[in-house]
């Protein structure tokens, strides 16, 4: 219907209509479609307009869809044709044999034409129905799968297996309506798309900051309602805001309830000019929707992995299992520090630690790793046993399609440290740096610089640094600086750094440590690292994840 209404005021096509036409009909009708239709119509006599108008009124009054014929005529031609039907009725009053024979021949030809017309209309209707009953097609405009959207491999798989659900949840306030059209949900994550419409029903570019919305997800399992922990991230295409919820534990229920309370909208001239919202609107939008996980559970594969390994430096690992969901998958395992390692760790047996590993195929090709800035938020410590349970979610984990090998690259233990180095500001420079080597790190401190703050004008101290950092968590190390009078200053890292696939970390030219509170040049400065995220690379362990398993979310 949108395509049939391309002409607007002054006979010019609307930009939005052209976008709809390009998006909804692009690449869906192959080049052979016209040839096929014309082949089917070969041999059918197409009556001129004046002859076709003489068809039987009773046969032409209603279309195959049960709607009055003028309704279809309006859609196809833009006219109602009431006058023509009145002329046809008058023609039937002629009772001569010649007129009746002519009427019979015209009726037969016209009826044959109507049959073929119905076939064509039904075919076009079927195609258009297919489009509108599959709003997850990548060519639709307001969709998670629009051409300008970020769509990961797990989302594509969920769409291919028919797991994109239509919600229809909406909320209206201040003249703006928020609607949730599509959602994807399984036991590892949920993704929804939110569109913004103005008072006239036009889709507009708008989104919201996470600080202006409260999300809650609940499961309903065996009559008990419980909150589901998650991490949330956002993104958008030209019209649809994409909200992703990555669960920090597996969901073992059939249904999820999501509640969103949005308090402020940000409106833009277009979604790609997010630097300058043209308007912000305070309001109260409450969206409540339900996700059905039953179909996703049927396509979820559980593979137990009963494997254990103890590293040379004191970390015990017990793999529990792998889960492949339609939108990705997850690995679950537990870790525990040995008594010897707990003695080195900050906070002892409950000290923080994590694995560093990657996945590869049968040919050794790298498939991905577990680098995740907030990875520790996917862990849970059992204080009674001292074990930490890990649940790590992947957006691409199709090990049912190919062999996948788990390879342990290393592990990090956050440990206490008393390693230090003395820096003489008068003697240290980029040409003559001070070396610091410990726990696999090789730092070069290149002097001490005092600079005025551009905001307050007060002096602050920086220590340029180069070299290599072994641990990806090096920014969480705790450093202090102590001057010749015993006064202690806290330090923190600033600037950029690069990390390659092998895990080698190198600081960029602007990298260095800021010394908080130091505003005059000391005679001597001792740099102490009190806490180190020690990366160990002494492990040698790998295994192939089995391609068999049990369907569902709970082992039978």
Protein backbone atom coordinates (compact mmCIF):
# COMPACT_ATOMS: atom_id res chain seq x y z
CA UNK A 1 0.00 0.00 0.00
CA UNK A 2 2.91 2.30 0.66
CA UNK A 3 4.31 1.54 -2.77
CA UNK A 4 0.95 2.28 -4.41
CA UNK A 5 0.93 5.76 -2.88
CA UNK A 6 4.23 7.15 -4.12
CA UNK A 7 2.68 10.31 -5.54
CA UNK A 8 2.37 13.10 -2.99
CA UNK A 9 1.63 16.79 -3.12
CA UNK A 10 2.57 18.45 -6.45
CA UNK A 11 3.13 15.01 -7.94
CA UNK A 12 6.48 14.55 -6.21
CA UNK A 13 7.37 11.29 -4.49
CA UNK A 14 8.06 11.48 -0.78
CA UNK A 15 11.55 10.59 0.49
CA UNK A 16 10.11 8.33 3.16
CA UNK A 17 7.97 6.54 0.58
CA UNK A 18 10.99 5.97 -1.63
CA UNK A 19 12.90 4.60 1.36
CA UNK A 20 10.04 2.23 2.14
CA UNK A 21 9.90 1.10 -1.50
CA UNK A 22 13.66 0.50 -1.68
CA UNK A 23 13.73 -1.24 1.69
CA UNK A 24 10.65 -3.41 1.43
CA UNK A 25 10.90 -4.45 -2.20
CA UNK A 26 14.65 -4.47 -2.83
CA UNK A 27 15.88 -7.77 -4.25
CA UNK A 28 12.66 -9.63 -3.39
CA UNK A 29 11.25 -9.97 -6.92
CA UNK A 30 13.80 -11.59 -9.25
CA UNK A 31 14.26 -10.47 -12.81
CA UNK A 32 12.41 -13.56 -14.08
CA UNK A 33 9.24 -12.66 -12.15
CA UNK A 34 7.70 -10.59 -14.96
CA UNK A 35 8.60 -13.23 -17.53
CA UNK A 36 6.96 -15.93 -15.44
CA UNK A 37 3.74 -13.94 -15.01
CA UNK A 38 3.54 -13.11 -18.71
CA UNK A 39 4.14 -16.75 -19.57
CA UNK A 40 1.22 -17.75 -17.36
CA UNK A 41 -0.98 -15.13 -19.04
CA UNK A 42 -0.02 -16.24 -22.56
CA UNK A 43 -3.10 -17.02 -24.62
CA UNK A 44 -5.45 -14.97 -22.42
CA UNK A 45 -7.42 -12.42 -24.43
CA UNK A 46 -7.11 -9.02 -22.81
CA UNK A 47 -10.28 -7.05 -23.49
CA UNK A 48 -10.21 -3.36 -24.33
CA UNK A 49 -11.53 -1.09 -21.63
CA UNK A 50 -14.90 -0.50 -23.33
CA UNK A 51 -15.50 -4.25 -23.79
CA UNK A 52 -14.32 -5.23 -20.34
CA UNK A 53 -16.71 -2.72 -18.86
CA UNK A 54 -19.60 -4.71 -20.26
CA UNK A 55 -18.99 -7.63 -17.90
CA UNK A 56 -21.59 -9.10 -15.64
CA UNK A 57 -22.41 -6.89 -12.69
CA UNK A 58 -22.96 -9.83 -10.37
CA UNK A 59 -19.55 -11.30 -11.25
CA UNK A 60 -17.71 -7.99 -10.85
CA UNK A 61 -19.37 -6.72 -7.72
CA UNK A 62 -17.04 -8.54 -5.34
CA UNK A 63 -13.36 -9.43 -5.59
CA UNK A 64 -11.78 -12.73 -4.58
CA UNK A 65 -10.90 -11.22 -1.22
CA UNK A 66 -14.55 -10.57 -0.43
CA UNK A 67 -14.13 -6.80 -0.67
CA UNK A 68 -16.27 -4.63 -2.98
CA UNK A 69 -14.69 -4.44 -6.44
CA UNK A 70 -14.28 -0.69 -6.22
CA UNK A 71 -11.96 -1.15 -3.23
CA UNK A 72 -9.49 -3.17 -5.29
CA UNK A 73 -10.01 -0.84 -8.25
CA UNK A 74 -9.02 2.10 -6.08
CA UNK A 75 -5.88 0.35 -4.97
CA UNK A 76 -4.89 -0.73 -8.48
CA UNK A 77 -6.08 2.24 -10.58
CA UNK A 78 -6.97 5.05 -8.22
CA UNK A 79 -10.62 5.37 -9.44
CA UNK A 80 -13.92 3.97 -8.17
CA UNK A 81 -15.67 3.28 -11.48
CA UNK A 82 -19.24 3.74 -10.17
CA UNK A 83 -20.39 5.37 -13.44
CA UNK A 84 -19.09 2.49 -15.51
CA UNK A 85 -21.06 -0.06 -13.50
CA UNK A 86 -24.22 1.91 -14.04
CA UNK A 87 -23.63 1.82 -17.82
CA UNK A 88 -23.10 -1.94 -17.64
CA UNK A 89 -26.45 -2.41 -15.89
CA UNK A 90 -28.22 -0.46 -18.59
CA UNK A 91 -26.65 -2.58 -21.34
CA UNK A 92 -28.20 -5.75 -19.92
CA UNK A 93 -31.70 -4.47 -20.65
CA UNK A 94 -31.34 -5.35 -24.35
CA UNK A 95 -33.16 -8.73 -24.75
CA UNK A 96 -32.32 -9.36 -28.41
CA UNK A 97 -30.62 -12.66 -29.34
CA UNK A 98 -27.68 -10.81 -30.85
CA UNK A 99 -27.24 -8.78 -27.69
CA UNK A 100 -27.46 -11.92 -25.50
CA UNK A 101 -24.85 -13.77 -27.60
CA UNK A 102 -22.55 -10.77 -27.49
CA UNK A 103 -23.16 -10.49 -23.76
CA UNK A 104 -22.32 -14.20 -23.29
CA UNK A 105 -19.05 -13.91 -25.25
CA UNK A 106 -18.02 -10.79 -23.37
CA UNK A 107 -18.91 -12.36 -20.04
CA UNK A 108 -16.91 -15.51 -20.83
CA UNK A 109 -13.79 -13.53 -21.90
CA UNK A 110 -14.16 -11.11 -19.03
CA UNK A 111 -14.60 -13.95 -16.55
CA UNK A 112 -11.45 -15.66 -17.89
CA UNK A 113 -9.58 -12.39 -17.51
CA UNK A 114 -10.91 -12.02 -13.96
CA UNK A 115 -9.64 -15.50 -13.05
CA UNK A 116 -6.16 -14.59 -14.21
CA UNK A 117 -6.43 -11.22 -12.51
CA UNK A 118 -7.34 -12.95 -9.27
CA UNK A 119 -4.32 -15.23 -9.66
CA UNK A 120 -2.03 -12.22 -10.12
CA UNK A 121 -3.66 -10.29 -7.26
CA UNK A 122 -3.47 -13.31 -4.96
CA UNK A 123 0.19 -13.83 -5.94
CA UNK A 124 1.07 -10.20 -5.24
CA UNK A 125 -0.94 -10.35 -2.02
CA UNK A 126 0.93 -13.49 -0.97
CA UNK A 127 4.29 -11.81 -1.57
CA UNK A 128 3.27 -8.68 0.31
CA UNK A 129 1.84 -10.78 3.16
CA UNK A 130 5.12 -12.66 3.36
CA UNK A 131 6.96 -9.38 3.72
CA UNK A 132 4.71 -8.05 6.45
CA UNK A 133 4.59 -11.31 8.37
CA UNK A 134 8.38 -11.41 8.40
CA UNK A 135 9.30 -7.94 9.77
CA UNK A 136 12.73 -9.25 10.69
CA UNK A 137 13.96 -9.11 7.10
CA UNK A 138 17.21 -7.19 6.81
CA UNK A 139 15.70 -4.81 4.25
CA UNK A 140 12.95 -3.41 6.45
CA UNK A 141 13.49 0.11 7.69
CA UNK A 142 12.34 -0.04 11.31
CA UNK A 143 14.00 -3.30 12.25
CA UNK A 144 16.89 -4.76 14.22
CA UNK A 145 18.04 -6.13 10.87
CA UNK A 146 17.98 -2.93 8.80
CA UNK A 147 20.88 -2.44 6.42
CA UNK A 148 22.64 0.08 8.67
CA UNK A 149 22.31 -2.08 11.81
CA UNK A 150 24.94 -4.06 13.64
CA UNK A 151 23.84 -7.69 13.32
CA UNK A 152 26.10 -10.36 14.80
CA UNK A 153 26.17 -13.98 13.67
CA UNK A 154 24.00 -15.11 16.58
CA UNK A 155 21.24 -12.68 15.63
CA UNK A 156 21.37 -13.93 12.05
CA UNK A 157 21.04 -17.51 13.27
CA UNK A 158 18.07 -16.59 15.47
CA UNK A 159 16.35 -14.99 12.49
CA UNK A 160 17.04 -17.97 10.23
CA UNK A 161 15.49 -20.36 12.77
CA UNK A 162 12.38 -18.22 13.26
CA UNK A 163 13.15 -17.01 16.75
CA UNK A 164 12.48 -13.31 16.23
CA UNK A 165 9.35 -12.47 18.18
CA UNK A 166 6.92 -9.60 17.61
CA UNK A 167 6.09 -7.75 20.82
CA UNK A 168 3.82 -4.79 20.07
CA UNK A 169 4.46 -3.26 23.50
CA UNK A 170 4.14 0.53 23.48
CA UNK A 171 4.04 3.56 25.77
CA UNK A 172 2.90 7.12 25.05
CA UNK A 173 3.65 10.39 26.82
CA UNK A 174 4.33 14.02 25.90
CA UNK A 175 3.07 13.35 22.38
CA UNK A 176 5.70 10.69 21.66
CA UNK A 177 5.14 6.94 21.43
CA UNK A 178 7.74 4.27 22.07
CA UNK A 179 7.15 0.88 20.49
CA UNK A 180 8.93 -2.45 20.78
CA UNK A 181 8.49 -4.40 17.57
CA UNK A 182 11.09 -7.18 17.45
CA UNK A 183 12.81 -9.09 20.22
CA UNK A 184 15.19 -12.03 20.40
CA UNK A 185 15.57 -14.06 23.58
CA UNK A 186 17.12 -17.31 24.74
CA UNK A 187 18.90 -18.51 27.87
CA UNK A 188 21.99 -16.34 27.33
CA UNK A 189 20.71 -12.94 26.18
CA UNK A 190 17.79 -10.78 25.06
CA UNK A 191 17.77 -8.12 22.33
CA UNK A 192 14.95 -5.66 21.68
CA UNK A 193 14.38 -2.81 19.22
CA UNK A 194 12.65 0.41 20.33
CA UNK A 195 11.24 2.91 17.82
CA UNK A 196 10.13 6.48 18.52
CA UNK A 197 7.05 8.01 16.83
CA UNK A 198 5.73 11.56 16.97
CA UNK A 199 2.10 12.60 17.48
CA UNK A 200 1.35 12.08 13.77
CA UNK A 201 2.68 8.53 13.83
CA UNK A 202 5.87 9.32 11.95
CA UNK A 203 9.02 7.46 12.91
CA UNK A 204 11.67 9.89 14.15
CA UNK A 205 15.30 9.65 15.20
CA UNK A 206 15.41 9.35 18.96
CA UNK A 207 17.06 7.43 21.75
CA UNK A 208 17.81 7.67 25.46
CA UNK A 209 20.78 7.41 27.76
CA UNK A 210 21.09 4.43 30.07
CA UNK A 211 21.12 6.86 32.98
CA UNK A 212 17.57 7.89 32.00
CA UNK A 213 16.03 4.42 32.02
CA UNK A 214 15.50 1.63 34.54
CA UNK A 215 15.45 -1.93 33.23
CA UNK A 216 14.25 -5.01 35.12
CA UNK A 217 14.09 -8.59 33.89
CA UNK A 218 12.23 -11.30 35.77
CA UNK A 219 11.76 -14.99 35.15
CA UNK A 220 8.76 -17.01 36.20
CA UNK A 221 9.94 -20.49 37.06
CA UNK A 222 7.59 -22.96 38.74
CA UNK A 223 5.58 -20.10 40.22
CA UNK A 224 8.60 -18.27 41.67
CA UNK A 225 9.49 -14.87 40.22
CA UNK A 226 13.13 -13.89 40.43
CA UNK A 227 15.28 -11.10 39.04
CA UNK A 228 17.69 -11.98 36.25
CA UNK A 229 21.11 -10.28 36.46
CA UNK A 230 22.37 -8.79 33.22
CA UNK A 231 24.73 -6.36 31.55
CA UNK A 232 23.13 -3.90 29.14
CA UNK A 233 24.51 -2.24 26.02
CA UNK A 234 22.92 -0.01 23.40
CA UNK A 235 23.25 0.79 19.72
CA UNK A 236 21.01 2.01 16.93
CA UNK A 237 20.34 2.26 13.23
CA UNK A 238 18.55 5.09 11.44
CA UNK A 239 15.32 4.63 13.40
CA UNK A 240 15.56 1.69 15.81
CA UNK A 241 17.38 1.73 19.14
CA UNK A 242 18.96 -1.67 19.81
CA UNK A 243 19.10 -2.72 23.48
CA UNK A 244 21.02 -5.89 24.34
CA UNK A 245 20.85 -7.65 27.69
CA UNK A 246 23.63 -10.20 28.27
CA UNK A 247 22.67 -12.46 31.17
CA UNK A 248 25.33 -13.09 33.79
CA UNK A 249 23.83 -16.47 34.59
CA UNK A 250 21.83 -18.85 32.38
CA UNK A 251 18.06 -18.42 32.32
CA UNK A 252 16.31 -21.71 33.02
CA UNK A 253 12.69 -20.71 32.51
CA UNK A 254 10.14 -20.60 29.68
CA UNK A 255 9.20 -16.94 29.93
CA UNK A 256 10.85 -13.64 30.77
CA UNK A 257 9.22 -10.34 31.68
CA UNK A 258 11.07 -7.13 30.80
CA UNK A 259 10.11 -3.77 32.29
CA UNK A 260 11.60 -0.50 31.06
CA UNK A 261 10.92 2.88 32.67
CA UNK A 262 12.23 5.67 30.43
CA UNK A 263 12.30 9.22 31.78
CA UNK A 264 13.93 11.22 28.99
CA UNK A 265 14.07 11.08 25.19
CA UNK A 266 16.78 12.59 23.03
CA UNK A 267 15.60 13.59 19.57
CA UNK A 268 17.93 14.15 16.61
CA UNK A 269 17.74 15.52 13.12
CA UNK A 270 18.93 12.04 12.12
CA UNK A 271 20.28 9.05 14.02
CA UNK A 272 23.78 9.52 12.65
CA UNK A 273 24.13 13.03 14.06
CA UNK A 274 24.11 11.99 17.71
CA UNK A 275 26.51 14.77 18.65
CA UNK A 276 23.74 17.36 18.69
CA UNK A 277 20.24 16.38 19.84
CA UNK A 278 17.77 18.96 18.61
CA UNK A 279 15.47 18.33 21.56
CA UNK A 280 15.22 16.47 24.87
CA UNK A 281 11.84 15.54 26.29
CA UNK A 282 11.15 14.66 29.92
CA UNK A 283 8.37 12.13 30.38
CA UNK A 284 7.21 8.84 31.76
CA UNK A 285 7.28 5.91 29.35
CA UNK A 286 6.79 2.43 30.80
CA UNK A 287 7.23 -0.57 28.54
CA UNK A 288 6.28 -4.05 29.70
CA UNK A 289 6.77 -7.04 27.47
CA UNK A 290 7.08 -10.80 27.66
CA UNK A 291 9.55 -13.05 25.87
CA UNK A 292 8.72 -16.68 25.15
CA UNK A 293 11.76 -18.96 25.41
CA UNK A 294 10.04 -22.29 24.76
CA UNK A 295 10.98 -22.48 21.07
CA UNK A 296 14.53 -21.34 21.81
CA UNK A 297 14.88 -24.03 24.49
CA UNK A 298 14.09 -26.71 21.92
CA UNK A 299 17.05 -25.50 19.85
CA UNK A 300 19.46 -25.17 22.79
CA UNK A 301 22.17 -27.82 23.03
CA UNK A 302 23.81 -28.67 26.37
CA UNK A 303 27.17 -30.44 26.38
CA UNK A 304 28.64 -31.51 29.74
CA UNK A 305 32.43 -31.12 29.99
CA UNK A 306 33.85 -32.97 32.97
CA UNK A 307 37.50 -31.93 32.73
CA UNK A 308 39.85 -30.61 35.42
CA UNK A 309 43.29 -29.02 35.35
CA UNK A 310 45.64 -27.48 37.91
CA UNK A 311 48.10 -24.87 36.68
CA UNK A 312 51.75 -24.85 37.81
CA UNK A 313 51.17 -21.63 39.78
CA UNK A 314 48.19 -22.75 41.76
CA UNK A 315 44.87 -22.36 39.95
CA UNK A 316 42.44 -25.29 39.85
CA UNK A 317 39.99 -25.36 36.92
CA UNK A 318 36.93 -27.56 36.53
CA UNK A 319 35.05 -27.26 33.23
CA UNK A 320 31.33 -27.88 33.68
CA UNK A 321 29.80 -27.54 30.23
CA UNK A 322 29.08 -25.66 27.05
CA UNK A 323 25.73 -24.37 25.84
CA UNK A 324 24.83 -23.53 22.26
CA UNK A 325 21.82 -21.25 22.00
CA UNK A 326 20.21 -19.89 18.83
CA UNK A 327 21.85 -16.49 19.36
CA UNK A 328 25.26 -17.77 20.45
CA UNK A 329 26.23 -19.82 23.42
CA UNK A 330 28.19 -19.96 26.66
CA UNK A 331 30.89 -21.75 28.63
CA UNK A 332 30.57 -22.55 32.32
CA UNK A 333 33.36 -23.56 34.66
CA UNK A 334 34.66 -23.09 38.19
CA UNK A 335 38.07 -21.96 39.42
CA UNK A 336 39.75 -22.13 42.82
CA UNK A 337 43.09 -20.97 44.24
CA UNK A 338 45.32 -23.53 45.90
CA UNK A 339 46.51 -22.70 49.44
CA UNK A 340 49.93 -21.67 48.07
CA UNK A 341 48.38 -19.33 45.48
CA UNK A 342 45.92 -17.98 48.02
CA UNK A 343 48.90 -16.92 50.15
CA UNK A 344 50.09 -14.63 47.33
CA UNK A 345 46.67 -13.35 46.34
CA UNK A 346 45.05 -10.19 47.57
CA UNK A 347 42.18 -11.25 49.87
CA UNK A 348 43.53 -14.79 50.13
CA UNK A 349 41.40 -17.70 48.96
CA UNK A 350 38.69 -15.35 47.69
CA UNK A 351 41.23 -13.31 45.74
CA UNK A 352 40.34 -12.24 42.22
CA UNK A 353 41.59 -14.37 39.33
CA UNK A 354 40.51 -15.17 35.78
CA UNK A 355 41.39 -17.28 32.76
CA UNK A 356 42.69 -16.10 29.41
CA UNK A 357 41.82 -18.49 26.59
CA UNK A 358 40.88 -18.65 22.94
CA UNK A 359 38.86 -20.92 20.66
CA UNK A 360 40.10 -22.38 17.39
CA UNK A 361 38.80 -24.75 14.71
CA UNK A 362 40.16 -28.11 13.62
CA UNK A 363 42.81 -26.41 11.46
CA UNK A 364 44.00 -24.24 14.35
CA UNK A 365 42.32 -21.10 13.00
CA UNK A 366 41.59 -18.52 15.69
CA UNK A 367 37.82 -18.16 16.29
CA UNK A 368 37.76 -15.72 19.20
CA UNK A 369 38.83 -15.24 22.79
CA UNK A 370 37.42 -14.12 26.11
CA UNK A 371 38.78 -10.59 26.17
CA UNK A 372 36.07 -8.67 27.94
CA UNK A 373 36.63 -5.40 29.87
CA UNK A 374 33.99 -6.30 32.45
CA UNK A 375 34.61 -10.03 32.43
CA UNK A 376 34.77 -10.26 36.23
CA UNK A 377 31.13 -9.24 36.41
CA UNK A 378 30.23 -12.61 34.91
CA UNK A 379 31.63 -14.48 37.91
CA UNK A 380 30.19 -15.39 41.25
CA UNK A 381 32.19 -16.43 44.31
CA UNK A 382 30.86 -19.12 46.64
CA UNK A 383 32.41 -18.04 49.91
CA UNK A 384 31.79 -21.41 51.58
CA UNK A 385 33.66 -23.52 49.06
CA UNK A 386 36.05 -20.81 47.86
CA UNK A 387 35.14 -21.63 44.26
CA UNK A 388 34.28 -19.02 41.67
CA UNK A 389 31.64 -19.92 39.09
CA UNK A 390 32.10 -18.43 35.61
CA UNK A 391 29.44 -17.95 32.96
CA UNK A 392 30.83 -16.50 29.74
CA UNK A 393 28.48 -15.73 26.85
CA UNK A 394 29.49 -15.76 23.17
CA UNK A 395 27.60 -14.26 20.23
CA UNK A 396 28.97 -16.98 17.93
CA UNK A 397 29.45 -20.46 19.33
CA UNK A 398 28.24 -22.90 16.69
CA UNK A 399 30.32 -25.89 17.75
CA UNK A 400 27.53 -28.16 16.53
CA UNK A 401 28.55 -27.11 13.00
CA UNK A 402 32.32 -27.43 13.38
CA UNK A 403 34.92 -28.77 15.77
CA UNK A 404 35.99 -26.20 18.35
CA UNK A 405 39.04 -26.51 20.59
CA UNK A 406 39.43 -24.67 23.89
CA UNK A 407 43.01 -23.46 24.44
CA UNK A 408 44.15 -22.00 27.76
CA UNK A 409 46.61 -19.15 27.07
CA UNK A 410 47.18 -18.03 30.64
CA UNK A 411 45.53 -16.85 33.84
CA UNK A 412 45.63 -13.79 36.07
CA UNK A 413 45.89 -13.71 39.85
CA UNK A 414 45.63 -10.36 41.63
CA UNK A 415 48.56 -10.49 44.05
CA UNK A 416 50.28 -8.41 46.70
CA UNK A 417 53.60 -6.90 45.67
CA UNK A 418 56.45 -4.87 47.15
CA UNK A 419 58.44 -4.34 43.97
CA UNK A 420 59.79 -0.80 43.51
CA UNK A 421 62.22 1.36 41.54
CA UNK A 422 63.91 4.68 42.42
CA UNK A 423 63.57 7.57 39.99
CA UNK A 424 65.98 10.54 40.10
CA UNK A 425 64.24 13.41 38.22
CA UNK A 426 67.57 15.12 37.51
CA UNK A 427 69.13 12.04 35.88
CA UNK A 428 66.13 10.25 34.30
CA UNK A 429 64.92 11.06 30.79
CA UNK A 430 63.72 9.46 27.60
CA UNK A 431 67.36 8.87 26.68
CA UNK A 432 68.21 7.50 30.13
CA UNK A 433 65.05 5.81 31.42
CA UNK A 434 64.65 3.82 34.63
CA UNK A 435 63.92 0.13 34.05
CA UNK A 436 61.31 -1.80 36.01
CA UNK A 437 61.00 -5.55 35.42
CA UNK A 438 58.60 -7.73 37.38
CA UNK A 439 55.88 -10.37 36.79
CA UNK A 440 56.52 -10.38 33.06
CA UNK A 441 56.44 -6.58 32.72
CA UNK A 442 59.26 -4.47 31.31
CA UNK A 443 58.57 -0.78 32.02
CA UNK A 444 60.74 2.17 31.06
CA UNK A 445 60.01 5.27 33.16
CA UNK A 446 61.29 8.26 31.22
CA UNK A 447 61.58 11.05 33.78
CA UNK A 448 59.24 13.32 35.71
CA UNK A 449 57.44 16.33 34.24
CA UNK A 450 55.51 19.13 35.96
CA UNK A 451 52.78 20.82 33.96
CA UNK A 452 50.07 23.40 34.74
CA UNK A 453 46.48 22.26 34.58
CA UNK A 454 44.52 23.91 31.77
CA UNK A 455 41.49 24.19 34.09
CA UNK A 456 42.82 25.28 37.45
CA UNK A 457 46.34 26.37 36.57
CA UNK A 458 47.72 24.17 39.36
CA UNK A 459 50.78 22.04 38.68
CA UNK A 460 50.55 18.30 38.24
CA UNK A 461 53.18 15.61 37.68
CA UNK A 462 53.42 12.97 34.97
CA UNK A 463 55.86 10.13 34.38
CA UNK A 464 56.08 9.12 30.67
CA UNK A 465 56.31 5.36 30.22
CA UNK A 466 57.17 2.92 27.43
CA UNK A 467 58.07 -0.77 27.23
CA UNK A 468 55.67 -3.73 27.38
CA UNK A 469 52.90 -4.66 29.79
CA UNK A 470 52.15 -8.37 30.12
CA UNK A 471 48.78 -8.29 31.86
CA UNK A 472 45.67 -6.92 30.09
CA UNK A 473 44.52 -5.79 33.54
CA UNK A 474 47.60 -3.63 34.14
CA UNK A 475 45.51 -0.47 34.56
CA UNK A 476 44.07 -2.05 37.72
CA UNK A 477 47.51 -2.40 39.31
CA UNK A 478 48.00 -0.22 42.40
CA UNK A 479 51.01 2.12 42.33
CA UNK A 480 52.21 4.75 44.79
CA UNK A 481 55.05 7.28 44.67
CA UNK A 482 57.05 8.20 47.79
CA UNK A 483 59.25 11.31 47.85
CA UNK A 484 62.47 11.81 49.84
CA UNK A 485 60.44 13.06 52.84
CA UNK A 486 58.34 9.89 53.01
CA UNK A 487 55.18 11.51 51.64
CA UNK A 488 53.11 9.10 49.60
CA UNK A 489 51.16 9.94 46.44
CA UNK A 490 48.75 7.74 44.51
CA UNK A 491 49.40 7.03 40.83
CA UNK A 492 47.16 6.13 37.95
CA UNK A 493 47.73 5.31 34.29
CA UNK A 494 46.66 7.64 31.50
CA UNK A 495 47.02 7.66 27.70
CA UNK A 496 46.67 5.06 24.99
CA UNK A 497 48.08 1.61 24.37
CA UNK A 498 47.78 -1.12 21.76
CA UNK A 499 47.18 -4.84 22.15
CA UNK A 500 47.81 -7.43 19.46
CA UNK A 501 46.20 -10.86 19.14
CA UNK A 502 49.12 -12.47 20.96
CA UNK A 503 48.34 -10.26 23.96
CA UNK A 504 51.42 -8.02 23.71
CA UNK A 505 50.56 -4.58 25.14
CA UNK A 506 52.57 -1.52 24.21
CA UNK A 507 51.93 2.03 25.46
CA UNK A 508 51.60 4.82 22.92
CA UNK A 509 53.62 8.04 22.94
CA UNK A 510 51.12 9.88 25.14
CA UNK A 511 51.08 7.13 27.79
CA UNK A 512 52.26 7.76 31.32
CA UNK A 513 51.43 7.76 35.00
CA UNK A 514 49.89 10.74 36.78
CA UNK A 515 51.10 11.40 40.30
CA UNK A 516 48.14 12.77 42.21
CA UNK A 517 48.97 15.72 44.47
CA UNK A 518 52.64 16.12 43.49
CA UNK A 519 53.02 19.78 42.44
CA UNK A 520 56.74 20.42 42.88
CA UNK A 521 59.85 18.64 41.69
CA UNK A 522 61.20 16.20 44.32
CA UNK A 523 64.86 15.28 44.69
CA UNK A 524 63.99 11.58 44.56
CA UNK A 525 60.87 9.53 43.91
CA UNK A 526 60.38 5.86 44.73
CA UNK A 527 57.75 4.11 42.62
CA UNK A 528 56.12 1.12 44.36
CA UNK A 529 53.71 -1.37 42.85
CA UNK A 530 51.63 -2.66 45.75
CA UNK A 531 49.06 -4.73 43.82
CA UNK A 532 49.80 -6.52 40.54
CA UNK A 533 47.45 -8.39 38.23
CA UNK A 534 49.98 -11.11 37.55
CA UNK A 535 49.55 -12.87 34.20
CA UNK A 536 50.93 -16.42 34.27
CA UNK A 537 51.73 -18.17 30.99
CA UNK A 538 52.93 -21.49 32.37
CA UNK A 539 49.76 -23.43 31.55
CA UNK A 540 49.59 -26.12 28.87
CA UNK A 541 46.01 -27.31 28.47
CA UNK A 542 43.52 -27.68 25.65
CA UNK A 543 40.62 -29.93 24.69
CA UNK A 544 37.99 -30.36 21.98
CA UNK A 545 34.43 -29.46 22.90
CA UNK A 546 32.15 -32.37 22.05
CA UNK A 547 29.60 -31.79 19.30
CA UNK A 548 26.99 -33.94 21.05
CA UNK A 549 24.62 -32.92 23.79
CA UNK A 550 21.08 -32.72 25.16
CA UNK A 551 18.39 -30.33 23.97
CA UNK A 552 16.85 -27.98 26.50
CA UNK A 553 18.19 -25.80 29.28
CA UNK A 554 18.37 -28.42 32.06
CA UNK A 555 20.09 -31.76 31.70
CA UNK A 556 17.69 -34.69 31.64
